[in-house]
Amino acid sequence: MVVSFVCIQTSAQEKWISLFDGKTMNGWHTYAKEEVGSLWQIQEGAITLDPAHRTKNGGGDIVTNESFNDFHLQLEWKIAKNGNSGIIFFVQEDPRYKNTWFTGPEMQVLDNDGHEDGKIIKHRAGNLYDLIAGTEGAVKEVGEWNLVDIINEKGVLTLKLNGIETAKTTLGDDHWKELIKNSKFSKGESPDFGKIFAGKIALQDHGNGVAYRNIRIQKL
């Protein structure tokens, strides 16, 4: 996957912290491991995953070394044709949890027209995966970069895709609990899903090509 590097403009007043320097995987590791798997590579200023280079132990979701509470996460993603990935947050890295999504909600990254998940409401790009169906029309064509904002502030979670709000909810209230009850996460495999509102940020290996760049965060 070939990507081009474009900087996001910031104001001097904003206290952004870079989570990716464009050159190294410093600050990241594969979930439940010490280093980043070889499937994840850096190409032209982006973290990329190319399934053609998959090895037995080279993949897996990658997570930040640091955990975050109230935050504003911003990044760009570009998905391969027919691809699926995701941005997962509030991830608890603990032997009790086999996967990042056992504790962390996900903002879906998807080729809506090419992947089967695009046919499922609440599974489309920009959705709070399997919880809230997002605003349609926010995602760009496959091969183009999409800008994401995930904001968790004082118990309110807001998702934006290319400047369009796709989901907003209050964490932990009765409505939030009802969303989980009516989702795939209520089936007992992940009993702590949606109960912890601080944690690590993950980029998902769903077996398809994807790229992420300009990854930064503000602590709120």
N, C-alpha and C. Protein backbone atom coordinates (compact mmCIF):
# COMPACT_ATOMS: atom_id res chain seq x y z
N MET A 1 0.86 -1.20 0.00
CA MET A 1 0.00 0.00 0.00
C MET A 1 0.90 1.24 0.00
N VAL A 2 0.67 2.14 -0.96
CA VAL A 2 1.45 3.36 -1.07
C VAL A 2 0.64 4.50 -0.47
N VAL A 3 1.25 5.25 0.41
CA VAL A 3 0.55 6.37 1.04
C VAL A 3 1.39 7.63 0.90
N SER A 4 0.74 8.75 0.95
CA SER A 4 1.43 10.04 0.95
C SER A 4 1.23 10.69 2.29
N PHE A 5 2.15 11.51 2.68
CA PHE A 5 2.13 12.12 4.01
C PHE A 5 1.67 13.56 3.92
N VAL A 6 0.62 13.88 4.65
CA VAL A 6 0.09 15.24 4.70
C VAL A 6 -0.08 15.62 6.16
N CYS A 7 0.47 16.72 6.56
CA CYS A 7 0.38 17.15 7.96
C CYS A 7 -0.98 17.79 8.23
N ILE A 8 -1.48 17.56 9.45
CA ILE A 8 -2.67 18.24 9.92
C ILE A 8 -2.22 19.52 10.62
N GLN A 9 -2.84 20.64 10.26
CA GLN A 9 -2.46 21.91 10.84
C GLN A 9 -2.98 22.01 12.28
N THR A 10 -2.18 22.55 13.17
CA THR A 10 -2.58 22.72 14.56
C THR A 10 -2.31 24.16 14.99
N SER A 11 -3.05 24.61 15.96
CA SER A 11 -2.80 25.94 16.51
C SER A 11 -1.81 25.83 17.64
N ALA A 12 -1.15 26.93 17.94
CA ALA A 12 -0.11 26.92 18.98
C ALA A 12 -0.71 26.64 20.35
N GLN A 13 -2.00 26.95 20.51
CA GLN A 13 -2.62 26.80 21.82
C GLN A 13 -2.96 25.35 22.15
N GLU A 14 -3.10 24.52 21.14
CA GLU A 14 -3.51 23.14 21.37
C GLU A 14 -2.35 22.30 21.89
N LYS A 15 -2.62 21.52 22.92
CA LYS A 15 -1.58 20.72 23.56
C LYS A 15 -1.64 19.29 23.05
N TRP A 16 -1.29 19.10 21.80
CA TRP A 16 -1.30 17.79 21.19
C TRP A 16 -0.04 17.02 21.56
N ILE A 17 -0.21 15.73 21.80
CA ILE A 17 0.90 14.82 22.05
C ILE A 17 0.93 13.83 20.90
N SER A 18 2.05 13.72 20.21
CA SER A 18 2.15 12.78 19.10
C SER A 18 2.25 11.35 19.63
N LEU A 19 1.44 10.46 19.06
CA LEU A 19 1.52 9.04 19.39
C LEU A 19 2.26 8.23 18.33
N PHE A 20 2.69 8.92 17.28
CA PHE A 20 3.43 8.26 16.19
C PHE A 20 4.32 9.30 15.53
N ASP A 21 5.63 9.03 15.53
CA ASP A 21 6.57 10.02 15.01
C ASP A 21 6.77 9.95 13.50
N GLY A 22 6.06 9.03 12.83
CA GLY A 22 6.16 8.91 11.39
C GLY A 22 7.33 8.07 10.91
N LYS A 23 8.18 7.62 11.86
CA LYS A 23 9.39 6.90 11.47
C LYS A 23 9.59 5.60 12.24
N THR A 24 9.13 5.55 13.48
CA THR A 24 9.35 4.37 14.32
C THR A 24 8.03 3.96 14.99
N MET A 25 8.05 2.78 15.59
CA MET A 25 6.89 2.29 16.34
C MET A 25 7.05 2.55 17.83
N ASN A 26 7.89 3.52 18.18
CA ASN A 26 8.06 3.88 19.59
C ASN A 26 6.71 4.25 20.20
N GLY A 27 6.45 3.71 21.39
CA GLY A 27 5.20 4.00 22.07
C GLY A 27 4.10 3.00 21.81
N TRP A 28 4.39 1.98 20.98
CA TRP A 28 3.40 0.97 20.63
C TRP A 28 3.97 -0.44 20.82
N HIS A 29 3.09 -1.41 21.00
CA HIS A 29 3.47 -2.82 21.01
C HIS A 29 2.25 -3.65 20.66
N THR A 30 2.48 -4.88 20.23
CA THR A 30 1.37 -5.78 19.97
C THR A 30 0.72 -6.16 21.29
N TYR A 31 -0.59 -6.22 21.30
CA TYR A 31 -1.33 -6.55 22.52
C TYR A 31 -0.81 -7.84 23.15
N ALA A 32 -0.52 -7.76 24.44
CA ALA A 32 -0.04 -8.89 25.25
C ALA A 32 1.37 -9.34 24.86
N LYS A 33 2.10 -8.50 24.11
CA LYS A 33 3.49 -8.80 23.76
C LYS A 33 4.34 -7.57 24.05
N GLU A 34 5.64 -7.72 23.88
CA GLU A 34 6.54 -6.62 24.23
C GLU A 34 6.84 -5.70 23.06
N GLU A 35 6.78 -6.23 21.84
CA GLU A 35 7.14 -5.44 20.66
C GLU A 35 6.01 -5.47 19.64
N VAL A 36 6.18 -4.72 18.58
CA VAL A 36 5.20 -4.69 17.50
C VAL A 36 5.48 -5.82 16.52
N GLY A 37 4.45 -6.55 16.14
CA GLY A 37 4.61 -7.64 15.19
C GLY A 37 5.07 -7.16 13.83
N SER A 38 5.75 -8.03 13.10
CA SER A 38 6.39 -7.66 11.84
C SER A 38 5.39 -7.32 10.73
N LEU A 39 4.13 -7.71 10.89
CA LEU A 39 3.14 -7.40 9.86
C LEU A 39 2.88 -5.90 9.76
N TRP A 40 3.05 -5.21 10.90
CA TRP A 40 2.89 -3.76 10.92
C TRP A 40 4.19 -3.11 10.47
N GLN A 41 4.13 -2.29 9.44
CA GLN A 41 5.29 -1.62 8.89
C GLN A 41 5.04 -0.12 8.79
N ILE A 42 6.11 0.64 8.65
CA ILE A 42 5.99 2.09 8.43
C ILE A 42 6.33 2.37 6.98
N GLN A 43 5.39 2.97 6.27
CA GLN A 43 5.57 3.30 4.87
C GLN A 43 5.15 4.74 4.63
N GLU A 44 6.08 5.56 4.22
CA GLU A 44 5.83 6.96 3.86
C GLU A 44 5.03 7.69 4.92
N GLY A 45 5.49 7.58 6.17
CA GLY A 45 4.89 8.33 7.25
C GLY A 45 3.61 7.77 7.81
N ALA A 46 3.31 6.50 7.53
CA ALA A 46 2.09 5.89 8.04
C ALA A 46 2.39 4.50 8.59
N ILE A 47 1.63 4.11 9.61
CA ILE A 47 1.66 2.73 10.11
C ILE A 47 0.75 1.92 9.20
N THR A 48 1.30 0.91 8.55
CA THR A 48 0.52 0.14 7.58
C THR A 48 0.52 -1.34 7.94
N LEU A 49 -0.56 -2.01 7.55
CA LEU A 49 -0.66 -3.45 7.70
C LEU A 49 -0.94 -4.03 6.32
N ASP A 50 -0.08 -4.93 5.88
CA ASP A 50 -0.23 -5.56 4.57
C ASP A 50 -0.35 -7.06 4.78
N PRO A 51 -1.54 -7.66 4.60
CA PRO A 51 -1.73 -9.08 4.86
C PRO A 51 -0.87 -9.99 3.99
N ALA A 52 -0.33 -9.47 2.90
CA ALA A 52 0.52 -10.29 2.03
C ALA A 52 1.81 -10.69 2.73
N HIS A 53 2.18 -9.95 3.77
CA HIS A 53 3.42 -10.22 4.50
C HIS A 53 3.17 -10.96 5.81
N ARG A 54 1.97 -11.52 5.97
CA ARG A 54 1.61 -12.15 7.24
C ARG A 54 2.46 -13.38 7.51
N THR A 55 2.92 -13.46 8.76
CA THR A 55 3.61 -14.65 9.26
C THR A 55 2.84 -15.15 10.48
N LYS A 56 3.20 -16.30 10.98
CA LYS A 56 2.45 -16.92 12.07
C LYS A 56 2.32 -16.01 13.28
N ASN A 57 3.38 -15.32 13.65
CA ASN A 57 3.37 -14.50 14.86
C ASN A 57 3.55 -13.01 14.58
N GLY A 58 3.35 -12.59 13.32
CA GLY A 58 3.67 -11.22 12.97
C GLY A 58 2.54 -10.23 13.09
N GLY A 59 1.30 -10.71 13.33
CA GLY A 59 0.16 -9.82 13.35
C GLY A 59 -0.36 -9.52 14.74
N GLY A 60 -1.63 -9.21 14.81
CA GLY A 60 -2.26 -8.86 16.08
C GLY A 60 -2.50 -7.37 16.21
N ASP A 61 -3.46 -7.00 17.02
CA ASP A 61 -3.73 -5.58 17.28
C ASP A 61 -2.53 -4.95 17.98
N ILE A 62 -2.26 -3.70 17.65
CA ILE A 62 -1.21 -2.97 18.36
C ILE A 62 -1.86 -1.95 19.30
N VAL A 63 -1.21 -1.71 20.43
CA VAL A 63 -1.74 -0.80 21.45
C VAL A 63 -0.68 0.18 21.90
N THR A 64 -1.14 1.31 22.41
CA THR A 64 -0.22 2.29 22.97
C THR A 64 0.38 1.75 24.27
N ASN A 65 1.59 2.17 24.56
CA ASN A 65 2.20 1.81 25.84
C ASN A 65 1.46 2.50 26.99
N GLU A 66 0.94 3.68 26.73
CA GLU A 66 0.31 4.49 27.76
C GLU A 66 -1.21 4.34 27.74
N SER A 67 -1.80 4.47 28.91
CA SER A 67 -3.26 4.50 29.03
C SER A 67 -3.75 5.94 29.15
N PHE A 68 -5.00 6.17 28.76
CA PHE A 68 -5.55 7.51 28.75
C PHE A 68 -6.94 7.52 29.37
N ASN A 69 -7.26 8.62 30.06
CA ASN A 69 -8.56 8.80 30.69
C ASN A 69 -9.39 9.72 29.80
N ASP A 70 -9.63 10.96 30.20
CA ASP A 70 -10.30 11.91 29.33
C ASP A 70 -9.30 12.34 28.25
N PHE A 71 -9.74 12.28 26.99
CA PHE A 71 -8.81 12.57 25.90
C PHE A 71 -9.55 12.97 24.63
N HIS A 72 -8.79 13.58 23.74
CA HIS A 72 -9.22 13.83 22.37
C HIS A 72 -8.19 13.17 21.47
N LEU A 73 -8.56 12.08 20.85
CA LEU A 73 -7.69 11.35 19.93
C LEU A 73 -8.02 11.78 18.51
N GLN A 74 -6.99 12.04 17.74
CA GLN A 74 -7.19 12.39 16.33
C GLN A 74 -6.18 11.61 15.48
N LEU A 75 -6.65 11.10 14.37
CA LEU A 75 -5.78 10.38 13.43
C LEU A 75 -6.45 10.31 12.07
N GLU A 76 -5.70 9.81 11.10
CA GLU A 76 -6.24 9.56 9.78
C GLU A 76 -6.08 8.08 9.44
N TRP A 77 -7.07 7.53 8.72
CA TRP A 77 -6.96 6.15 8.26
C TRP A 77 -7.32 6.04 6.79
N LYS A 78 -6.74 5.00 6.17
CA LYS A 78 -7.08 4.66 4.78
C LYS A 78 -7.18 3.14 4.69
N ILE A 79 -8.30 2.65 4.22
CA ILE A 79 -8.55 1.21 4.19
C ILE A 79 -8.34 0.67 2.78
N ALA A 80 -7.87 -0.58 2.68
CA ALA A 80 -7.74 -1.25 1.40
C ALA A 80 -9.12 -1.67 0.89
N LYS A 81 -9.23 -1.92 -0.38
CA LYS A 81 -10.48 -2.39 -0.96
C LYS A 81 -10.95 -3.65 -0.25
N ASN A 82 -12.20 -3.68 0.12
CA ASN A 82 -12.83 -4.80 0.84
C ASN A 82 -12.30 -4.96 2.26
N GLY A 83 -11.65 -3.93 2.78
CA GLY A 83 -10.96 -4.04 4.06
C GLY A 83 -11.81 -3.72 5.28
N ASN A 84 -11.27 -4.17 6.42
CA ASN A 84 -11.91 -3.98 7.72
C ASN A 84 -10.81 -3.78 8.76
N SER A 85 -10.99 -2.80 9.64
CA SER A 85 -10.08 -2.58 10.75
C SER A 85 -10.87 -1.79 11.80
N GLY A 86 -10.19 -1.22 12.77
CA GLY A 86 -10.90 -0.45 13.78
C GLY A 86 -9.96 0.25 14.73
N ILE A 87 -10.49 1.26 15.39
CA ILE A 87 -9.77 2.00 16.43
C ILE A 87 -10.47 1.67 17.74
N ILE A 88 -9.77 1.01 18.63
CA ILE A 88 -10.35 0.52 19.88
C ILE A 88 -9.74 1.30 21.04
N PHE A 89 -10.56 1.65 22.01
CA PHE A 89 -10.07 2.47 23.12
C PHE A 89 -10.59 1.93 24.43
N PHE A 90 -10.04 2.44 25.54
CA PHE A 90 -10.31 1.91 26.89
C PHE A 90 -9.84 0.46 27.02
N VAL A 91 -8.82 0.10 26.29
CA VAL A 91 -8.32 -1.28 26.27
C VAL A 91 -7.56 -1.58 27.56
N GLN A 92 -7.92 -2.69 28.21
CA GLN A 92 -7.22 -3.17 29.41
C GLN A 92 -6.30 -4.31 29.01
N GLU A 93 -5.02 -4.10 29.18
CA GLU A 93 -4.05 -5.15 28.83
C GLU A 93 -3.79 -5.99 30.07
N ASP A 94 -4.50 -7.09 30.15
CA ASP A 94 -4.51 -7.93 31.35
C ASP A 94 -4.68 -9.37 30.88
N PRO A 95 -3.99 -10.33 31.51
CA PRO A 95 -4.12 -11.73 31.10
C PRO A 95 -5.55 -12.26 31.13
N ARG A 96 -6.42 -11.60 31.86
CA ARG A 96 -7.82 -12.04 31.92
C ARG A 96 -8.53 -11.82 30.59
N TYR A 97 -8.01 -10.91 29.76
CA TYR A 97 -8.69 -10.54 28.52
C TYR A 97 -7.85 -10.98 27.32
N LYS A 98 -8.43 -11.83 26.48
CA LYS A 98 -7.68 -12.41 25.36
C LYS A 98 -7.51 -11.44 24.20
N ASN A 99 -8.40 -10.47 24.08
CA ASN A 99 -8.37 -9.56 22.95
C ASN A 99 -8.64 -8.12 23.40
N THR A 100 -8.24 -7.18 22.57
CA THR A 100 -8.45 -5.77 22.89
C THR A 100 -9.93 -5.45 23.06
N TRP A 101 -10.76 -6.06 22.24
CA TRP A 101 -12.19 -5.73 22.26
C TRP A 101 -12.95 -6.38 23.40
N PHE A 102 -12.29 -7.16 24.22
CA PHE A 102 -12.95 -7.70 25.42
C PHE A 102 -13.31 -6.58 26.40
N THR A 103 -12.57 -5.48 26.36
CA THR A 103 -12.86 -4.35 27.25
C THR A 103 -13.08 -3.06 26.49
N GLY A 104 -12.59 -2.93 25.26
CA GLY A 104 -12.61 -1.65 24.58
C GLY A 104 -13.63 -1.52 23.47
N PRO A 105 -14.45 -0.46 23.50
CA PRO A 105 -15.33 -0.14 22.37
C PRO A 105 -14.50 0.23 21.14
N GLU A 106 -15.14 0.19 19.99
CA GLU A 106 -14.42 0.38 18.72
C GLU A 106 -15.13 1.36 17.81
N MET A 107 -14.36 2.24 17.20
CA MET A 107 -14.86 3.02 16.06
C MET A 107 -14.50 2.25 14.81
N GLN A 108 -15.50 1.91 14.03
CA GLN A 108 -15.29 1.03 12.88
C GLN A 108 -14.53 1.72 11.76
N VAL A 109 -13.59 0.98 11.16
CA VAL A 109 -12.84 1.37 9.96
C VAL A 109 -13.18 0.34 8.90
N LEU A 110 -13.76 0.76 7.77
CA LEU A 110 -14.33 -0.22 6.85
C LEU A 110 -14.48 0.32 5.43
N ASP A 111 -14.36 -0.58 4.47
CA ASP A 111 -14.83 -0.33 3.12
C ASP A 111 -16.30 -0.73 3.11
N ASN A 112 -17.19 0.24 3.26
CA ASN A 112 -18.61 -0.04 3.40
C ASN A 112 -19.18 -0.82 2.22
N ASP A 113 -18.70 -0.52 1.02
CA ASP A 113 -19.25 -1.14 -0.18
C ASP A 113 -18.63 -2.50 -0.48
N GLY A 114 -17.41 -2.73 0.01
CA GLY A 114 -16.72 -3.96 -0.37
C GLY A 114 -16.70 -5.05 0.68
N HIS A 115 -16.87 -4.69 1.95
CA HIS A 115 -16.80 -5.68 3.03
C HIS A 115 -18.20 -6.04 3.49
N GLU A 116 -18.38 -7.31 3.87
CA GLU A 116 -19.70 -7.80 4.28
C GLU A 116 -20.27 -7.04 5.47
N ASP A 117 -19.39 -6.55 6.36
CA ASP A 117 -19.87 -5.81 7.52
C ASP A 117 -20.62 -4.53 7.12
N GLY A 118 -20.36 -4.04 5.92
CA GLY A 118 -21.03 -2.84 5.45
C GLY A 118 -22.52 -3.02 5.28
N LYS A 119 -22.97 -4.28 5.24
CA LYS A 119 -24.40 -4.58 5.11
C LYS A 119 -25.11 -4.60 6.46
N ILE A 120 -24.33 -4.49 7.54
CA ILE A 120 -24.90 -4.62 8.89
C ILE A 120 -24.98 -3.25 9.54
N ILE A 121 -26.18 -2.88 9.97
CA ILE A 121 -26.32 -1.61 10.67
C ILE A 121 -25.49 -1.67 11.96
N LYS A 122 -24.85 -0.60 12.31
CA LYS A 122 -23.95 -0.47 13.45
C LYS A 122 -22.58 -1.08 13.20
N HIS A 123 -22.31 -1.54 11.97
CA HIS A 123 -20.99 -2.08 11.63
C HIS A 123 -20.31 -1.28 10.53
N ARG A 124 -20.85 -0.15 10.16
CA ARG A 124 -20.30 0.62 9.05
C ARG A 124 -19.26 1.63 9.53
N ALA A 125 -18.48 2.15 8.61
CA ALA A 125 -17.40 3.07 8.94
C ALA A 125 -17.92 4.26 9.74
N GLY A 126 -17.23 4.56 10.83
CA GLY A 126 -17.61 5.67 11.70
C GLY A 126 -18.56 5.29 12.81
N ASN A 127 -19.15 4.07 12.74
CA ASN A 127 -20.06 3.61 13.78
C ASN A 127 -19.30 3.31 15.07
N LEU A 128 -19.98 3.44 16.19
CA LEU A 128 -19.49 2.86 17.44
C LEU A 128 -19.89 1.40 17.36
N TYR A 129 -18.94 0.57 17.00
CA TYR A 129 -19.18 -0.77 16.48
C TYR A 129 -20.15 -1.60 17.33
N ASP A 130 -21.21 -2.04 16.68
CA ASP A 130 -22.26 -2.89 17.23
C ASP A 130 -23.06 -2.22 18.35
N LEU A 131 -22.84 -0.93 18.55
CA LEU A 131 -23.56 -0.20 19.60
C LEU A 131 -24.42 0.92 19.03
N ILE A 132 -23.82 1.79 18.20
CA ILE A 132 -24.54 2.93 17.66
C ILE A 132 -24.28 3.05 16.16
N ALA A 133 -25.35 3.08 15.37
CA ALA A 133 -25.22 3.31 13.94
C ALA A 133 -24.88 4.78 13.70
N GLY A 134 -23.88 5.01 12.88
CA GLY A 134 -23.40 6.36 12.67
C GLY A 134 -24.14 7.11 11.58
N THR A 135 -23.86 8.40 11.48
CA THR A 135 -24.39 9.24 10.41
C THR A 135 -23.82 8.77 9.08
N GLU A 136 -24.69 8.57 8.11
CA GLU A 136 -24.23 8.13 6.79
C GLU A 136 -23.64 9.29 5.99
N GLY A 137 -22.77 8.95 5.04
CA GLY A 137 -22.21 9.94 4.14
C GLY A 137 -20.94 10.60 4.62
N ALA A 138 -20.43 10.18 5.77
CA ALA A 138 -19.23 10.81 6.31
C ALA A 138 -17.95 10.22 5.73
N VAL A 139 -17.96 8.94 5.38
CA VAL A 139 -16.74 8.27 4.94
C VAL A 139 -16.41 8.61 3.49
N LYS A 140 -15.11 8.65 3.19
CA LYS A 140 -14.63 8.92 1.84
C LYS A 140 -14.46 7.62 1.05
N GLU A 141 -14.19 7.75 -0.24
CA GLU A 141 -14.00 6.59 -1.10
C GLU A 141 -12.78 5.78 -0.66
N VAL A 142 -12.83 4.48 -0.94
CA VAL A 142 -11.68 3.62 -0.65
C VAL A 142 -10.44 4.19 -1.33
N GLY A 143 -9.33 4.21 -0.58
CA GLY A 143 -8.09 4.76 -1.10
C GLY A 143 -7.85 6.20 -0.70
N GLU A 144 -8.85 6.84 -0.08
CA GLU A 144 -8.69 8.21 0.41
C GLU A 144 -8.53 8.21 1.93
N TRP A 145 -7.89 9.24 2.43
CA TRP A 145 -7.68 9.36 3.87
C TRP A 145 -8.93 9.91 4.55
N ASN A 146 -9.23 9.35 5.71
CA ASN A 146 -10.36 9.78 6.54
C ASN A 146 -9.84 10.31 7.88
N LEU A 147 -10.37 11.44 8.30
CA LEU A 147 -9.96 12.06 9.56
C LEU A 147 -10.91 11.65 10.68
N VAL A 148 -10.35 11.17 11.78
CA VAL A 148 -11.12 10.70 12.93
C VAL A 148 -10.86 11.59 14.14
N ASP A 149 -11.91 11.88 14.89
CA ASP A 149 -11.81 12.48 16.21
C ASP A 149 -12.61 11.61 17.17
N ILE A 150 -11.96 11.13 18.21
CA ILE A 150 -12.62 10.40 19.29
C ILE A 150 -12.39 11.19 20.56
N ILE A 151 -13.47 11.66 21.17
CA ILE A 151 -13.37 12.55 22.32
C ILE A 151 -14.10 11.91 23.50
N ASN A 152 -13.37 11.74 24.58
CA ASN A 152 -13.96 11.25 25.83
C ASN A 152 -13.73 12.33 26.89
N GLU A 153 -14.81 12.99 27.29
CA GLU A 153 -14.67 14.10 28.23
C GLU A 153 -15.82 14.09 29.23
N LYS A 154 -15.47 13.94 30.48
CA LYS A 154 -16.43 14.00 31.58
C LYS A 154 -17.61 13.06 31.35
N GLY A 155 -17.29 11.85 30.91
CA GLY A 155 -18.31 10.83 30.76
C GLY A 155 -19.10 10.87 29.46
N VAL A 156 -18.76 11.80 28.58
CA VAL A 156 -19.43 11.88 27.28
C VAL A 156 -18.46 11.46 26.18
N LEU A 157 -18.88 10.50 25.38
CA LEU A 157 -18.07 10.00 24.28
C LEU A 157 -18.63 10.51 22.96
N THR A 158 -17.77 11.14 22.15
CA THR A 158 -18.17 11.67 20.85
C THR A 158 -17.25 11.12 19.77
N LEU A 159 -17.83 10.63 18.68
CA LEU A 159 -17.06 10.16 17.54
C LEU A 159 -17.35 11.07 16.34
N LYS A 160 -16.29 11.44 15.64
CA LYS A 160 -16.45 12.24 14.42
C LYS A 160 -15.63 11.61 13.30
N LEU A 161 -16.18 11.65 12.10
CA LEU A 161 -15.49 11.16 10.91
C LEU A 161 -15.54 12.25 9.86
N ASN A 162 -14.35 12.74 9.48
CA ASN A 162 -14.23 13.83 8.51
C ASN A 162 -15.07 15.04 8.93
N GLY A 163 -15.04 15.32 10.22
CA GLY A 163 -15.70 16.50 10.76
C GLY A 163 -17.19 16.33 11.03
N ILE A 164 -17.75 15.16 10.70
CA ILE A 164 -19.17 14.90 10.89
C ILE A 164 -19.35 14.02 12.13
N GLU A 165 -20.19 14.46 13.06
CA GLU A 165 -20.44 13.66 14.25
C GLU A 165 -21.21 12.40 13.87
N THR A 166 -20.64 11.24 14.18
CA THR A 166 -21.29 9.97 13.83
C THR A 166 -21.89 9.27 15.03
N ALA A 167 -21.46 9.61 16.22
CA ALA A 167 -22.03 8.99 17.42
C ALA A 167 -21.71 9.85 18.63
N LYS A 168 -22.66 9.87 19.57
CA LYS A 168 -22.44 10.57 20.84
C LYS A 168 -23.27 9.87 21.91
N THR A 169 -22.66 9.60 23.05
CA THR A 169 -23.36 8.88 24.10
C THR A 169 -22.73 9.19 25.45
N THR A 170 -23.49 8.97 26.50
CA THR A 170 -23.00 9.11 27.86
C THR A 170 -22.57 7.75 28.38
N LEU A 171 -21.36 7.66 28.83
CA LEU A 171 -20.80 6.40 29.27
C LEU A 171 -21.34 5.99 30.63
N GLY A 172 -21.74 4.73 30.74
CA GLY A 172 -22.10 4.17 32.03
C GLY A 172 -23.53 4.40 32.49
N ASP A 173 -24.32 5.21 31.77
CA ASP A 173 -25.69 5.44 32.21
C ASP A 173 -26.59 4.29 31.77
N ASP A 174 -27.88 4.38 32.05
CA ASP A 174 -28.81 3.29 31.73
C ASP A 174 -28.88 3.05 30.23
N HIS A 175 -28.84 4.12 29.45
CA HIS A 175 -28.88 3.96 27.99
C HIS A 175 -27.64 3.22 27.49
N TRP A 176 -26.48 3.55 28.03
CA TRP A 176 -25.24 2.88 27.68
C TRP A 176 -25.34 1.38 28.00
N LYS A 177 -25.86 1.07 29.17
CA LYS A 177 -26.00 -0.33 29.56
C LYS A 177 -26.97 -1.07 28.65
N GLU A 178 -27.99 -0.36 28.19
CA GLU A 178 -28.95 -0.97 27.27
C GLU A 178 -28.32 -1.22 25.90
N LEU A 179 -27.47 -0.30 25.45
CA LEU A 179 -26.76 -0.50 24.20
C LEU A 179 -25.92 -1.78 24.25
N ILE A 180 -25.23 -1.98 25.35
CA ILE A 180 -24.39 -3.18 25.50
C ILE A 180 -25.26 -4.42 25.59
N LYS A 181 -26.35 -4.33 26.32
CA LYS A 181 -27.26 -5.47 26.48
C LYS A 181 -27.78 -5.96 25.13
N ASN A 182 -27.99 -5.04 24.21
CA ASN A 182 -28.53 -5.38 22.89
C ASN A 182 -27.45 -5.63 21.84
N SER A 183 -26.21 -5.78 22.28
CA SER A 183 -25.09 -5.97 21.35
C SER A 183 -24.48 -7.35 21.50
N LYS A 184 -23.52 -7.63 20.63
CA LYS A 184 -22.79 -8.90 20.69
C LYS A 184 -21.93 -9.01 21.95
N PHE A 185 -21.69 -7.89 22.62
CA PHE A 185 -20.81 -7.89 23.79
C PHE A 185 -21.51 -8.33 25.07
N SER A 186 -22.78 -8.67 24.96
CA SER A 186 -23.53 -9.11 26.14
C SER A 186 -23.52 -10.63 26.31
N LYS A 187 -22.78 -11.33 25.46
CA LYS A 187 -22.88 -12.79 25.40
C LYS A 187 -21.98 -13.52 26.38
N GLY A 188 -21.32 -12.80 27.28
CA GLY A 188 -20.57 -13.44 28.34
C GLY A 188 -19.09 -13.62 28.08
N GLU A 189 -18.66 -13.49 26.82
CA GLU A 189 -17.24 -13.65 26.50
C GLU A 189 -16.42 -12.48 27.03
N SER A 190 -17.06 -11.32 27.13
CA SER A 190 -16.35 -10.12 27.57
C SER A 190 -17.20 -9.40 28.63
N PRO A 191 -17.28 -9.94 29.85
CA PRO A 191 -18.16 -9.39 30.88
C PRO A 191 -17.78 -7.99 31.34
N ASP A 192 -16.55 -7.54 31.10
CA ASP A 192 -16.13 -6.21 31.52
C ASP A 192 -16.19 -5.18 30.40
N PHE A 193 -16.73 -5.58 29.25
CA PHE A 193 -16.82 -4.64 28.13
C PHE A 193 -17.68 -3.44 28.52
N GLY A 194 -17.15 -2.26 28.20
CA GLY A 194 -17.92 -1.04 28.42
C GLY A 194 -18.11 -0.63 29.85
N LYS A 195 -17.29 -1.18 30.74
CA LYS A 195 -17.41 -0.84 32.16
C LYS A 195 -16.24 -0.01 32.67
N ILE A 196 -15.16 0.06 31.89
CA ILE A 196 -13.94 0.76 32.29
C ILE A 196 -13.70 1.89 31.29
N PHE A 197 -13.57 3.13 31.77
CA PHE A 197 -13.54 4.28 30.88
C PHE A 197 -12.19 4.98 30.86
N ALA A 198 -11.14 4.20 30.98
CA ALA A 198 -9.77 4.65 30.77
C ALA A 198 -8.98 3.43 30.31
N GLY A 199 -8.00 3.64 29.46
CA GLY A 199 -7.22 2.50 29.00
C GLY A 199 -6.37 2.86 27.80
N LYS A 200 -5.85 1.83 27.17
CA LYS A 200 -4.96 2.00 26.02
C LYS A 200 -5.76 2.12 24.73
N ILE A 201 -5.10 2.61 23.71
CA ILE A 201 -5.70 2.76 22.39
C ILE A 201 -5.10 1.72 21.47
N ALA A 202 -5.95 1.06 20.69
CA ALA A 202 -5.49 -0.02 19.82
C ALA A 202 -5.87 0.25 18.37
N LEU A 203 -5.01 -0.23 17.46
CA LEU A 203 -5.31 -0.27 16.04
C LEU A 203 -5.45 -1.74 15.67
N GLN A 204 -6.54 -2.07 15.00
CA GLN A 204 -6.93 -3.47 14.85
C GLN A 204 -6.35 -4.14 13.61
N ASP A 205 -5.85 -5.35 13.82
CA ASP A 205 -5.50 -6.25 12.73
C ASP A 205 -6.71 -7.15 12.49
N HIS A 206 -7.47 -6.83 11.44
CA HIS A 206 -8.64 -7.64 11.08
C HIS A 206 -8.35 -8.49 9.85
N GLY A 207 -7.06 -8.57 9.51
CA GLY A 207 -6.66 -9.40 8.39
C GLY A 207 -6.63 -8.70 7.05
N ASN A 208 -6.91 -7.39 7.03
CA ASN A 208 -6.97 -6.64 5.77
C ASN A 208 -6.01 -5.46 5.79
N GLY A 209 -5.68 -4.98 4.60
CA GLY A 209 -4.78 -3.86 4.48
C GLY A 209 -5.38 -2.56 5.00
N VAL A 210 -4.58 -1.82 5.77
CA VAL A 210 -5.03 -0.55 6.33
C VAL A 210 -3.81 0.30 6.64
N ALA A 211 -3.99 1.61 6.69
CA ALA A 211 -2.90 2.52 7.06
C ALA A 211 -3.43 3.59 8.00
N TYR A 212 -2.58 3.99 8.95
CA TYR A 212 -2.91 5.04 9.92
C TYR A 212 -1.76 6.04 9.96
N ARG A 213 -2.08 7.32 10.10
CA ARG A 213 -1.04 8.33 10.18
C ARG A 213 -1.54 9.52 11.01
N ASN A 214 -0.61 10.45 11.29
CA ASN A 214 -0.93 11.67 12.04
C ASN A 214 -1.70 11.36 13.31
N ILE A 215 -1.19 10.44 14.09
CA ILE A 215 -1.86 9.97 15.30
C ILE A 215 -1.42 10.84 16.48
N ARG A 216 -2.35 11.50 17.11
CA ARG A 216 -2.01 12.41 18.19
C ARG A 216 -3.17 12.46 19.18
N ILE A 217 -2.87 12.99 20.38
CA ILE A 217 -3.87 12.99 21.43
C ILE A 217 -3.71 14.22 22.31
N GLN A 218 -4.81 14.70 22.84
CA GLN A 218 -4.81 15.71 23.90
C GLN A 218 -5.39 15.07 25.15
N LYS A 219 -4.75 15.30 26.28
CA LYS A 219 -5.31 14.89 27.55
C LYS A 219 -6.21 16.01 28.05
N LEU A 220 -7.45 15.69 28.28
CA LEU A 220 -8.44 16.70 28.66
C LEU A 220 -8.64 16.77 30.17
